[in-house]
Protein backbone atom coordinates (compact mmCIF):
# COMPACT_ATOMS: atom_id res chain seq x y z
CA MET A 1 0.23 -4.11 24.74
CA HIS A 2 -2.61 -6.79 24.78
CA ARG A 3 -4.30 -7.31 27.86
CA GLY A 4 -7.06 -9.24 29.27
CA HIS A 5 -8.64 -12.17 27.18
CA VAL A 6 -9.69 -12.67 23.99
CA VAL A 7 -14.01 -12.01 23.84
CA SER A 8 -14.41 -12.46 20.00
CA GLN A 9 -13.01 -12.54 16.58
CA GLY A 10 -14.53 -9.85 15.52
CA PRO A 11 -13.38 -7.92 12.34
CA LEU A 12 -9.62 -6.11 13.15
CA SER A 13 -9.19 -3.56 15.72
CA LEU A 14 -6.88 -2.13 18.13
CA ALA A 15 -8.79 -4.31 20.72
CA HIS A 16 -6.62 -3.97 24.01
CA VAL A 17 -5.96 -1.63 27.02
CA TRP A 18 -4.02 1.15 25.70
CA GLN A 19 -0.72 1.68 27.91
CA GLN A 20 0.08 4.62 27.26
CA PRO A 21 2.59 6.88 29.09
CA PRO A 22 1.71 9.76 31.33
CA ARG A 23 2.93 13.16 29.07
CA LEU A 24 5.07 16.22 30.56
CA LEU A 25 5.38 18.79 28.14
CA ILE A 26 8.58 21.75 29.19
CA VAL A 27 7.67 24.84 26.66
CA ASP A 28 10.63 26.95 26.15
CA ALA A 29 9.46 30.69 26.32
CA ALA A 30 12.71 31.85 25.39
CA CYS A 31 12.11 35.60 23.74
CA PRO A 32 12.27 36.42 21.09
CA SER A 33 11.29 33.39 19.36
CA TRP A 34 8.83 32.80 21.54
CA ALA A 35 6.38 35.37 20.15
CA ARG A 36 6.95 33.19 16.84
CA VAL A 37 5.63 30.26 18.22
CA CYS A 38 3.07 30.99 20.94
CA SER A 39 -0.56 31.62 18.93
CA ASN A 40 0.25 28.29 16.90
CA LEU A 41 1.54 26.22 19.78
CA CYS A 42 -1.81 27.30 21.85
CA GLU A 43 -4.13 26.47 19.28
CA ALA A 44 -2.19 22.98 18.04
CA LEU A 45 -2.56 22.27 22.08
CA GLN A 46 -6.27 23.33 22.51
CA ASN A 47 -7.50 21.34 19.23
CA PHE A 48 -5.67 17.96 20.27
CA PHE A 49 -7.06 18.18 24.15
CA SER A 50 -10.23 18.89 22.37
CA LEU A 51 -9.89 15.24 20.64
CA ALA A 52 -7.74 14.19 23.71
CA CYS A 53 -10.83 14.45 26.43
CA SER A 54 -13.45 13.68 23.87
CA LEU A 55 -12.34 10.47 22.76
CA GLU A 56 -14.59 7.15 23.99
CA GLY A 57 -12.72 4.14 25.02
CA PRO A 58 -9.68 3.41 26.65
CA THR A 59 -7.35 6.54 27.48
CA ARG A 60 -4.80 7.54 25.21
CA VAL A 61 -3.15 10.09 27.52
CA PRO A 62 -3.87 9.63 30.75
CA LEU A 63 -1.69 12.14 32.70
CA PHE A 64 -0.19 15.32 31.95
CA SER A 65 1.97 18.33 33.45
CA MET A 66 2.97 21.58 31.89
CA TYR A 67 6.50 23.99 32.50
CA VAL A 68 7.17 26.49 30.82
CA VAL A 69 10.50 27.85 31.25
CA GLN A 70 11.98 31.91 30.48
CA SER A 71 14.15 32.99 32.84
CA ARG A 72 13.35 30.09 35.29
CA HIS A 73 11.33 27.33 35.38
CA GLU A 74 7.45 27.09 36.62
CA CYS A 75 5.11 24.14 36.31
CA ILE A 76 2.03 25.93 35.39
CA LEU A 77 -0.13 22.59 35.35
CA PRO A 78 0.79 19.60 37.94
CA PHE A 79 -0.05 16.02 36.64
CA VAL A 80 -3.87 15.75 36.10
CA GLN A 81 -5.99 12.89 34.58
CA VAL A 82 -7.00 13.98 30.86
CA LYS A 83 -10.55 12.88 30.31
CA GLY A 84 -12.60 15.06 32.49
CA ASN A 85 -10.35 17.71 32.83
CA PHE A 86 -11.05 20.07 29.96
CA VAL A 87 -11.78 23.06 31.74
CA ARG A 88 -8.80 22.80 33.50
CA LEU A 89 -6.07 22.45 30.55
CA GLN A 90 -8.17 24.92 28.57
CA ALA A 91 -6.78 27.71 32.00
CA CYS A 92 -3.81 25.92 31.06
CA ILE A 93 -3.52 27.13 27.53
CA SER A 94 -4.60 30.60 28.43
CA GLU A 95 -2.11 30.56 31.15
CA LEU A 96 0.26 29.60 28.35
CA ARG A 97 -0.90 32.31 26.14
CA LEU A 98 -0.05 34.68 28.68
CA VAL A 99 3.86 34.07 29.31
CA PRO A 100 5.73 37.60 27.64
CA ARG A 101 6.39 36.76 24.40
CA GLU A 102 9.59 40.18 24.61
CA GLY A 103 11.89 40.38 26.75
CA ILE A 104 15.94 39.80 27.36
CA CYS A 105 17.06 36.33 26.44
CA GLN A 106 18.24 34.40 29.33
CA GLN A 107 21.83 33.73 29.86
CA LYS A 108 21.25 30.23 30.80
CA SER A 109 18.40 28.29 30.39
CA CYS A 110 16.77 26.03 33.01
CA LEU A 111 15.44 22.94 31.07
CA ASN A 112 17.23 20.60 33.31
CA LEU A 113 15.65 21.81 36.37
CA ALA A 114 12.49 21.59 34.77
CA VAL A 115 13.46 18.23 33.76
CA GLN A 116 14.58 17.15 37.38
CA ASP A 117 11.56 18.82 38.69
CA GLY A 118 9.37 17.06 36.59
CA LEU A 119 10.48 13.53 37.00
CA GLN A 120 10.45 14.45 41.05
CA GLN A 121 6.77 15.59 40.73
CA PHE A 122 5.69 12.22 38.91
CA LYS A 123 7.73 9.91 41.05
CA GLN A 124 5.31 11.71 43.91
CA HIS A 125 1.70 12.05 42.19
CA SER A 126 3.13 7.84 41.42
CA ARG A 127 3.57 7.04 45.12
CA HIS A 128 0.73 9.41 46.42
CA THR A 129 -2.23 8.72 44.38
CA MET A 130 -4.01 6.06 42.76
CA VAL A 131 -3.29 6.30 39.02
CA SER A 132 -6.44 4.29 38.32
CA ALA A 133 -5.56 5.20 34.67
CA ALA A 134 -2.16 3.87 34.15
CA PRO A 135 -2.46 1.85 36.35
CA SER A 136 0.95 0.05 34.87
CA SER A 137 2.78 2.83 33.67
CA PRO A 138 5.69 3.55 35.85
CA SER A 139 7.52 5.46 33.46
CA VAL A 140 6.57 8.89 32.47
CA GLU A 141 7.34 10.74 28.97
CA ILE A 142 9.02 14.36 28.71
CA THR A 143 9.00 16.51 25.77
CA VAL A 144 10.73 20.04 25.55
CA LEU A 145 9.32 21.50 22.76
CA THR A 146 11.88 24.79 22.11
CA CYS A 147 12.80 27.22 18.89
CA GLN A 148 16.44 27.14 20.16
CA PRO A 149 18.52 24.99 17.56
CA GLY A 150 17.71 21.69 18.82
CA LYS A 151 21.13 19.70 18.64
CA ASP A 152 22.36 22.45 21.24
CA ILE A 153 19.95 21.68 23.60
CA VAL A 154 20.37 17.98 23.50
CA LYS A 155 23.95 18.56 24.46
CA GLN A 156 23.18 20.98 27.31
CA LEU A 157 20.76 18.40 28.35
CA GLU A 158 23.21 15.21 28.36
CA GLY A 159 25.47 17.24 30.01
CA GLU A 160 23.48 18.65 32.76
CA LEU A 161 21.34 15.09 33.46
CA GLN A 162 24.26 12.92 33.65
CA ASN A 163 23.63 12.40 37.55
CA THR A 164 19.50 12.41 37.32
CA ASP A 165 18.02 9.56 38.84
CA MET A 166 16.42 8.29 35.50
CA VAL A 167 14.50 5.48 36.61
CA SER A 168 10.84 6.76 36.17
CA LEU A 169 11.84 8.11 32.93
CA ARG A 170 10.65 5.78 30.05
CA ARG A 171 11.48 8.46 27.08
CA LEU A 172 12.90 11.80 26.60
CA GLN A 173 12.49 14.18 23.35
CA VAL A 174 13.82 17.71 22.12
CA THR A 175 11.33 19.12 19.77
CA GLU A 176 12.34 21.81 17.37
CA ILE A 177 9.80 24.46 16.57
CA SER A 178 12.07 25.71 13.17
CA LYS A 179 12.04 29.14 12.81
CA GLY A 180 9.72 29.16 9.16
CA ASP A 181 6.90 31.54 9.15
CA GLY A 182 5.53 30.15 5.77
CA PRO A 183 2.12 28.93 5.22
CA GLU A 184 0.47 26.09 7.03
CA SER A 185 1.84 22.38 5.72
CA VAL A 186 -1.65 21.98 3.90
CA ASP A 187 -0.29 21.23 0.38
CA SER A 188 1.47 17.01 1.14
CA LEU A 189 -0.96 14.96 2.36
CA TRP A 190 0.98 15.00 6.08
CA PRO A 191 3.04 17.67 7.54
CA SER A 192 6.91 17.04 6.90
CA GLU A 193 8.87 16.74 9.63
CA ALA A 194 12.91 16.03 10.12
CA PRO A 195 13.37 13.66 12.66
CA ALA A 196 16.15 12.30 14.74
CA GLU A 197 17.92 10.91 11.71
CA GLU A 198 18.89 14.87 10.50
CA LEU A 199 21.79 14.11 12.88
CA SER A 200 25.01 12.78 10.97
CA THR A 201 26.69 9.72 12.45
CA GLU A 202 29.60 11.63 14.17
CA GLU A 203 27.00 13.82 15.72
CA CYS A 204 25.12 10.86 17.07
CA SER A 205 28.16 9.24 18.37
CA ILE A 206 29.13 12.35 20.45
CA LEU A 207 25.42 13.34 21.64
CA GLY A 208 24.33 9.45 22.82
CA THR A 209 21.12 7.85 22.26
CA ASP A 210 19.16 8.86 25.21
CA ILE A 211 17.14 11.87 24.04
CA GLU A 212 15.86 12.17 20.76
CA LEU A 213 15.47 14.67 18.49
CA GLN A 214 13.05 16.05 16.41
CA VAL A 215 12.44 19.19 13.81
CA ILE A 216 8.49 20.47 13.12
CA GLU A 217 7.36 23.43 11.22
CA ASN A 218 6.26 26.48 12.94
CA ASP A 219 2.24 25.96 12.02
CA THR A 220 -0.84 24.97 13.91
CA VAL A 221 -1.09 21.67 11.64
CA SER A 222 2.62 20.62 12.07
CA ILE A 223 2.49 21.06 15.74
CA GLU A 224 -1.18 19.72 16.02
CA SER A 225 -0.04 16.61 14.11
CA PHE A 226 2.78 15.79 16.43
CA PHE A 227 0.66 15.93 19.55
CA LYS A 228 -1.54 13.93 17.52
CA ALA A 229 1.10 10.89 17.87
CA TRP A 230 0.19 10.71 21.41
CA LEU A 231 -2.66 8.67 20.62
CA GLN A 232 -1.35 6.38 19.31
CA ASP A 233 -0.42 3.12 20.66
CA SER A 234 3.78 3.51 19.79
CA GLY A 235 4.77 0.86 22.04
CA THR A 236 7.07 -1.90 21.21
CA ASP A 237 7.32 -4.80 23.06
CA GLN A 238 5.70 -6.65 21.25
CA GLU A 239 4.81 -7.21 17.70
CA HIS A 240 0.91 -6.86 16.71
CA LEU A 241 0.10 -8.86 13.95
CA HIS A 242 1.72 -12.24 12.48
CA LEU A 243 0.97 -12.35 8.68
CA LEU A 244 1.48 -15.84 7.55
CA LEU A 245 2.10 -16.48 4.09
CA PRO A 246 1.98 -19.70 2.24
CA SER A 247 5.59 -21.54 1.49
CA ARG A 248 4.66 -22.59 -1.95
CA CYS A 249 2.12 -20.50 -3.99
CA PHE A 250 -1.20 -18.98 -3.07
CA SER A 251 -3.18 -20.83 -5.43
CA SER A 252 -4.19 -23.47 -3.33
CA PHE A 253 -5.58 -24.20 0.73
CA SER A 254 -3.67 -27.22 0.64
CA SER A 255 -0.44 -25.08 0.63
CA ALA A 256 -1.23 -23.92 3.60
CA ARG A 257 -0.25 -26.97 5.33
CA SER A 258 3.35 -27.23 5.25
CA GLU A 259 5.11 -24.33 7.70
CA PRO A 260 4.13 -20.69 6.37
CA MET A 261 6.44 -17.68 6.29
CA CYS A 262 5.68 -15.32 8.95
CA LEU A 263 5.66 -11.59 8.78
CA LYS A 264 6.20 -9.93 12.53
CA CYS A 265 4.00 -6.72 11.62
CA ASP A 266 2.87 -3.71 13.87
CA LEU A 267 -0.46 -2.23 13.62
CA GLN A 268 -1.51 1.62 13.01
CA GLU A 269 -4.72 3.75 12.80
CA ARG A 270 -4.96 5.86 9.97
CA LEU A 271 -7.83 8.13 11.21
CA LEU A 272 -9.57 8.62 14.26
CA ASN A 273 -12.91 6.45 14.45
CA PRO A 274 -15.55 8.88 14.14
CA ALA A 275 -18.14 7.07 16.31
CA LEU A 276 -15.46 7.46 19.49
CA LEU A 277 -16.33 11.34 19.09
CA PRO A 278 -19.67 12.80 20.63
CA GLY A 279 -22.11 13.85 17.91
CA THR A 280 -20.09 12.84 15.04
CA ALA A 281 -21.37 9.22 14.55
CA GLU A 282 -24.11 8.55 12.02
CA SER A 283 -25.16 5.66 13.52
CA PRO A 284 -26.13 4.96 17.42
CA GLY A 285 -24.34 2.02 17.49
CA GLY A 286 -20.86 3.46 15.95
CA ASP A 287 -18.44 1.31 14.26
CA PHE A 288 -18.56 -2.35 15.56
CA SER A 289 -14.35 -2.78 14.04
CA TYR A 290 -13.16 -0.39 16.81
CA GLN A 291 -14.65 -3.14 19.56
CA MET A 292 -12.34 -2.65 22.51
CA ALA A 293 -12.46 -5.95 23.19
CA PRO A 294 -9.09 -6.63 25.74
CA GLN A 295 -6.52 -9.80 24.73
CA SER A 296 -4.03 -11.63 26.47
CA ALA A 297 -0.94 -10.10 26.64
CA ALA A 298 0.84 -13.63 24.87
CA SER A 299 -1.97 -13.15 21.86
CA ARG A 300 -1.01 -11.51 18.69
CA TYR A 301 -3.67 -11.45 15.48
CA ARG A 302 -3.18 -13.66 12.65
CA LEU A 303 -4.22 -13.65 9.36
CA ARG A 304 -3.39 -16.32 6.99
CA VAL A 305 -3.16 -15.35 3.48
CA ILE A 306 -5.27 -18.00 1.60
CA LYS A 307 -4.85 -16.47 -2.48
CA ALA A 308 -4.26 -13.41 -4.49
CA LEU A 309 -6.67 -10.97 -6.19
CA GLU A 310 -6.13 -8.93 -9.19
CA SER A 311 -6.33 -4.96 -7.83
CA SER A 312 -9.15 -4.21 -10.38
CA GLY A 313 -11.14 -7.44 -9.26
CA VAL A 314 -12.13 -5.53 -5.83
CA CYS A 315 -15.11 -3.59 -5.69
CA GLU A 316 -14.79 -0.93 -2.89
CA SER A 317 -18.36 -1.49 -1.53
CA VAL A 318 -17.67 -5.07 -0.06
CA THR A 319 -14.67 -3.48 2.38
CA TYR A 320 -15.98 -1.60 5.43
CA GLY A 321 -14.69 -0.56 9.05
CA LEU A 322 -12.00 1.83 9.16
CA PRO A 323 -8.93 0.92 7.74
CA PHE A 324 -5.08 0.26 9.27
CA ILE A 325 -1.41 0.31 8.68
CA ILE A 326 0.71 -2.21 8.77
CA ARG A 327 4.35 -2.05 8.63
CA PRO A 328 7.39 -4.29 9.67
CA THR A 329 7.48 -4.32 13.36
CA SER A 330 9.87 -2.73 15.57
CA CYS A 331 9.98 -4.90 18.70
CA TRP A 332 12.88 -4.53 20.51
CA GLN A 333 13.04 -8.29 21.82
CA LEU A 334 13.85 -9.32 18.26
CA ASP A 335 17.19 -9.52 18.09
CA TRP A 336 18.93 -7.66 15.07
CA ASP A 337 19.13 -10.22 12.66
CA GLU A 338 15.31 -11.12 12.61
CA LEU A 339 14.37 -7.39 12.58
CA GLU A 340 16.19 -6.78 9.94
CA THR A 341 15.18 -10.06 7.70
CA ASN A 342 12.01 -9.48 8.63
CA GLN A 343 11.17 -6.04 6.82
CA GLN A 344 13.45 -7.11 3.85
CA ARG A 345 10.85 -9.74 3.34
CA PHE A 346 8.15 -7.07 4.50
CA HIS A 347 9.60 -4.76 1.37
CA ALA A 348 10.17 -8.23 -1.01
CA LEU A 349 6.36 -8.93 -0.71
CA CYS A 350 5.36 -5.01 -0.87
CA HIS A 351 7.38 -4.63 -4.52
CA SER A 352 6.22 -8.09 -5.97
CA LEU A 353 2.66 -7.28 -4.90
CA GLN A 354 2.72 -3.86 -6.58
CA LYS A 355 4.75 -5.53 -9.80
CA ARG A 356 2.03 -8.37 -10.14
CA GLN A 357 -1.00 -5.64 -9.30
CA TRP A 358 -2.05 -7.86 -6.75
CA LEU A 359 -3.69 -7.66 -3.36
CA LEU A 360 -4.08 -10.10 -0.47
CA LEU A 361 -7.04 -12.00 0.53
CA ALA A 362 -6.81 -13.35 4.12
CA LYS A 363 -8.34 -14.91 6.96
CA GLY A 364 -8.27 -13.85 10.63
CA GLU A 365 -7.37 -16.94 12.80
CA PRO A 366 -7.50 -16.80 16.73
CA PRO A 367 -4.58 -16.40 18.65
CA SER A 368 -4.78 -20.16 20.12
CA PRO A 369 -7.50 -21.86 18.81
CA GLY A 370 -9.51 -24.21 21.22
CA PRO A 371 -10.57 -27.74 20.93
CA SER A 372 -14.02 -26.24 20.52
CA GLN A 373 -15.97 -26.95 16.40
CA ASN A 374 -18.20 -23.75 17.39
CA GLY A 375 -15.94 -20.89 17.52
CA PRO A 376 -16.39 -17.53 16.45
CA ALA A 377 -17.44 -15.96 13.01
CA SER A 378 -14.34 -15.98 10.82
CA THR A 379 -13.57 -12.49 9.30
CA PHE A 380 -11.90 -12.14 6.23
CA TYR A 381 -9.64 -9.53 4.94
CA ILE A 382 -7.74 -7.44 2.06
CA ILE A 383 -4.58 -6.49 2.14
CA PHE A 384 -3.20 -3.15 -0.05
CA PRO A 385 0.22 -3.06 -1.20
CA SER A 386 2.07 0.73 -1.22
CA SER A 387 5.09 2.17 -2.59
CA SER A 388 6.26 2.60 1.11
CA LEU A 389 7.29 0.00 3.47
CA THR A 390 3.38 -0.36 4.43
CA MET A 391 0.53 -2.24 3.76
CA LEU A 392 -3.56 -1.17 4.02
CA VAL A 393 -5.59 -3.99 5.57
CA LYS A 394 -10.11 -3.36 5.95
CA ALA A 395 -12.48 -6.19 6.64
CA VAL A 396 -14.21 -7.37 3.47
CA ALA A 397 -17.41 -8.97 3.37
CA THR A 398 -18.59 -12.67 3.13
CA CYS A 399 -21.58 -14.39 1.96
CA GLU A 400 -23.72 -14.20 5.26
CA LEU A 401 -23.19 -10.11 5.08
CA LEU A 402 -23.62 -9.48 1.60
CA LEU A 403 -27.17 -7.79 0.39
CA PRO A 404 -29.09 -8.72 -2.56
CA ASN A 405 -28.58 -5.11 -4.84
CA SER A 406 -28.93 -5.09 -8.66
CA PHE A 407 -26.95 -2.79 -10.88
CA PRO A 408 -28.81 -2.32 -14.60
CA MET A 409 -27.03 -1.44 -16.97
CA PRO A 410 -28.50 1.90 -18.99
CA PRO A 411 -29.29 0.50 -22.51
CA GLU A 412 -28.33 3.38 -24.51
CA ASP A 413 -26.64 6.75 -24.30
CA PRO A 414 -28.32 9.93 -22.30
CA PRO A 415 -29.77 12.21 -24.80
CA GLU A 416 -27.51 14.88 -26.59
CA ASP A 417 -29.27 17.81 -24.78
CA ILE A 418 -29.18 16.38 -21.15
CA LEU A 419 -25.56 15.19 -21.78
CA ARG A 420 -24.44 18.29 -22.69
CA SER A 421 -26.18 20.29 -20.01
CA MET A 422 -24.18 18.04 -17.24
CA GLU A 423 -20.82 18.29 -19.12
CA ASN A 424 -21.04 21.87 -19.22
CA THR A 425 -21.64 21.95 -14.63
CA LEU A 426 -18.93 19.64 -14.59
CA ASP A 427 -16.86 21.87 -16.06
CA GLY A 428 -17.58 24.42 -14.23
CA LEU A 429 -16.20 22.15 -10.79
CA GLU A 430 -12.58 23.00 -9.52
CA VAL A 431 -10.63 20.07 -10.32
CA ALA A 432 -7.81 18.72 -7.72
CA SER A 433 -5.01 15.61 -8.90
CA THR A 434 -5.40 14.25 -5.04
CA TYR A 435 -8.25 14.55 -2.01
CA ASN A 436 -5.65 16.31 1.02
CA PRO A 437 -7.68 15.95 3.89
CA LEU A 438 -6.18 18.60 5.98
CA GLN A 439 -7.40 21.05 3.00
CA ILE A 440 -10.42 19.64 4.69
CA LYS A 441 -12.37 21.18 8.13
CA SER A 442 -15.27 20.45 9.53
CA CYS A 443 -15.44 22.59 12.46
CA LEU A 444 -15.40 19.15 14.76
CA TYR A 445 -12.80 21.18 17.09
CA GLU A 446 -15.53 24.34 17.67
CA HIS A 447 -18.24 22.16 18.09
CA LEU A 448 -15.92 19.58 20.58
CA ARG A 449 -14.96 22.58 23.04
CA SER A 450 -18.97 23.54 22.78
CA ILE A 451 -19.55 20.12 24.38
CA LEU A 452 -16.50 20.00 26.65
CA SER A 453 -17.06 23.92 28.25
CA LYS A 454 -20.57 23.21 29.12
CA PRO A 455 -20.76 22.55 32.67
CA GLN A 456 -20.89 18.64 33.48
CA GLY A 457 -23.14 18.38 36.52
CA PRO A 458 -22.21 20.62 39.60
CA LEU A 459 -18.83 21.15 40.34
CA SER A 460 -17.45 21.73 43.77
CA SER A 461 -16.92 25.41 44.50
CA GLY A 462 -13.64 25.26 45.98
CA ARG A 463 -12.23 23.84 42.28
CA GLU A 464 -11.96 27.39 41.33
CA LEU A 465 -9.59 27.84 38.50
CA ARG A 466 -6.46 30.16 39.47
CA PRO A 467 -6.79 34.06 38.46
CA PRO A 468 -4.47 34.56 34.99
CA ARG A 469 -0.99 35.79 35.49
CA GLN A 470 -0.06 39.48 35.10
CA VAL A 471 1.25 40.15 31.84
CA GLY A 472 5.31 40.66 32.01
CA ARG A 473 6.70 38.01 34.26
CA LEU A 474 6.12 34.73 36.03
CA HIS A 475 5.16 34.31 39.57
CA PRO A 476 8.00 32.96 41.57
CA GLN A 477 6.31 33.39 44.95
CA ARG A 478 4.16 30.82 44.21
CA ALA A 479 4.54 26.95 44.72
CA ARG A 480 3.07 25.39 41.80
CA ALA A 481 4.44 21.92 41.48
CA THR A 482 3.74 19.66 43.86
CA VAL A 483 7.24 19.01 45.16
CA PRO A 484 10.06 21.09 45.85
CA PRO A 485 12.54 21.12 42.85
CA LEU A 486 15.65 18.45 42.92
CA PRO A 487 18.99 20.30 44.17
CA LEU A 488 21.74 20.74 41.54
CA VAL A 489 24.31 17.92 41.60
CA PRO A 490 27.93 18.51 40.69
CA SER A 491 28.62 16.62 36.98
CA LEU A 492 30.88 14.05 36.47
CA PRO A 493 32.98 14.90 33.48
CA PRO A 494 31.47 13.90 30.18
CA SER A 495 31.80 10.83 28.40
CA ARG A 496 31.79 10.32 24.76
CA ALA A 497 28.46 8.82 24.57
CA PRO A 498 27.22 10.25 27.92
CA LYS A 499 24.18 7.38 29.37
CA MET A 500 21.45 8.22 32.00
CA PRO A 501 22.45 5.81 34.57
CA ALA A 502 19.79 5.60 37.32
CA ALA A 503 20.85 7.08 40.76
CA LYS A 504 20.55 5.41 44.05
CA LYS A 505 17.94 5.40 46.18
CA ALA A 506 17.80 8.52 48.44
CA SER A 507 18.35 7.76 51.94
CA SER A 508 15.37 10.19 52.24
CA GLU A 509 12.03 11.12 50.93
CA PRO A 510 11.40 14.66 49.65
CA VAL A 511 8.56 16.12 51.22
CA LEU A 512 5.00 16.04 49.42
CA LEU A 513 4.11 20.12 48.76
CA LEU A 514 1.13 21.01 47.35
CA SER A 515 -0.35 23.58 45.69
CA ASP A 516 -3.73 25.47 46.11
CA ASP A 517 -4.86 23.31 42.71
CA GLU A 518 -3.37 20.31 44.45
CA GLU A 519 -4.88 20.22 47.56
CA GLN A 520 -8.27 20.83 46.09
CA LEU A 521 -8.21 17.23 44.51
CA PHE A 522 -7.23 15.24 47.39
């Protein structure tokens, strides 16, 4: 996960080159359910790509392709780099809006053909192009978005893909959009999701574990939140953070000399840094806690807890930077017993801190301290527990950063008439029990789209957008994908828990066929 070399020991950040996989989205546009989700899906995609194309720093979605499936499968967007291609992505979404919403329901799904065709297209793209945005991402993540029962789609795909070459597949996920047509999920702090755990133990043993299943609500916020997860680093190759606890007590520095208890954690962003978006940062320099300084693959963040603080004894004005969520690691390289013990210790720490109403003060340590005495300045952090299996970490000021301020206490209460007038003013305000950011919109998407839609320098006259499709049918005569579809292979009898074995390398490679759009890219 962490690449390169350490350049500074600044505030905690996701200071690494993002190793995000290419994404292939397969939209199951089966009628009549497609009519219910089309508008919400297209709006969510447009909002998502306005963010993904605008974010500065490392590319979080390096490559993207989209297929649509009705009576047949069709690639409406071959693999393209996301950054710098907003106009093309927007044209693809416009074409998706024109997919027929009424018609005869298909008798046999072509989803497996779209998966096979997409995998071959990705292999050809990787072989014949220089994928500079993701040089170490040899595998693709495929998401099948459907309104049909997700469990049925999983069973269908597992049966039909048994003999498919899955070497270049990192993950295959089926996401079911529920049939509910209620208002947007803004009452809770985050849209509700029904993850793969919805499947019973018996069903999981039959379906196997190669294909993940997730259920989301049919509203723009929920669908958009699903795509936003692509902006987060969800890699499990290595834990991100080592939280070092004194083995005996929190009260002295001397206890840190004994062997500390190490909790292995993962870091997750709570929100996007506004300084990485054009026209939204308050200061030209942005928030320096999000500097993307590369780190080595062998390094991990180390936070050493030096003392406990009473929760009422920390002033919000001395914390700075954007917060991070820390949670028990899910690194696959750790054995199961170690993962379970680590999670139980993390849970016990959260529970004990909440019970005592304590926070933790921690000091950032370099991954591998060298002999030099003049190392980088230390950064300190406050760790806040929660009732869930997560904690919040924020940087806290030290004496060198603090500016003098005075906070004089008023000598007496305000005059009665002034106080009464102010009370009447406050009585006119609506009172909410919590702050829900999903209910507050800043018109950011519209702002970003207006910037991205402006011409970015001279455009090639040959790189024209394809004309919109005719409403009522897909175009069977156009070669939309960069490669011909894979031929169907006879299925073997399904096993109890079918896996996806890698097929032997074919003796002859398929010929690379380019669509009109792709020819103009080379």
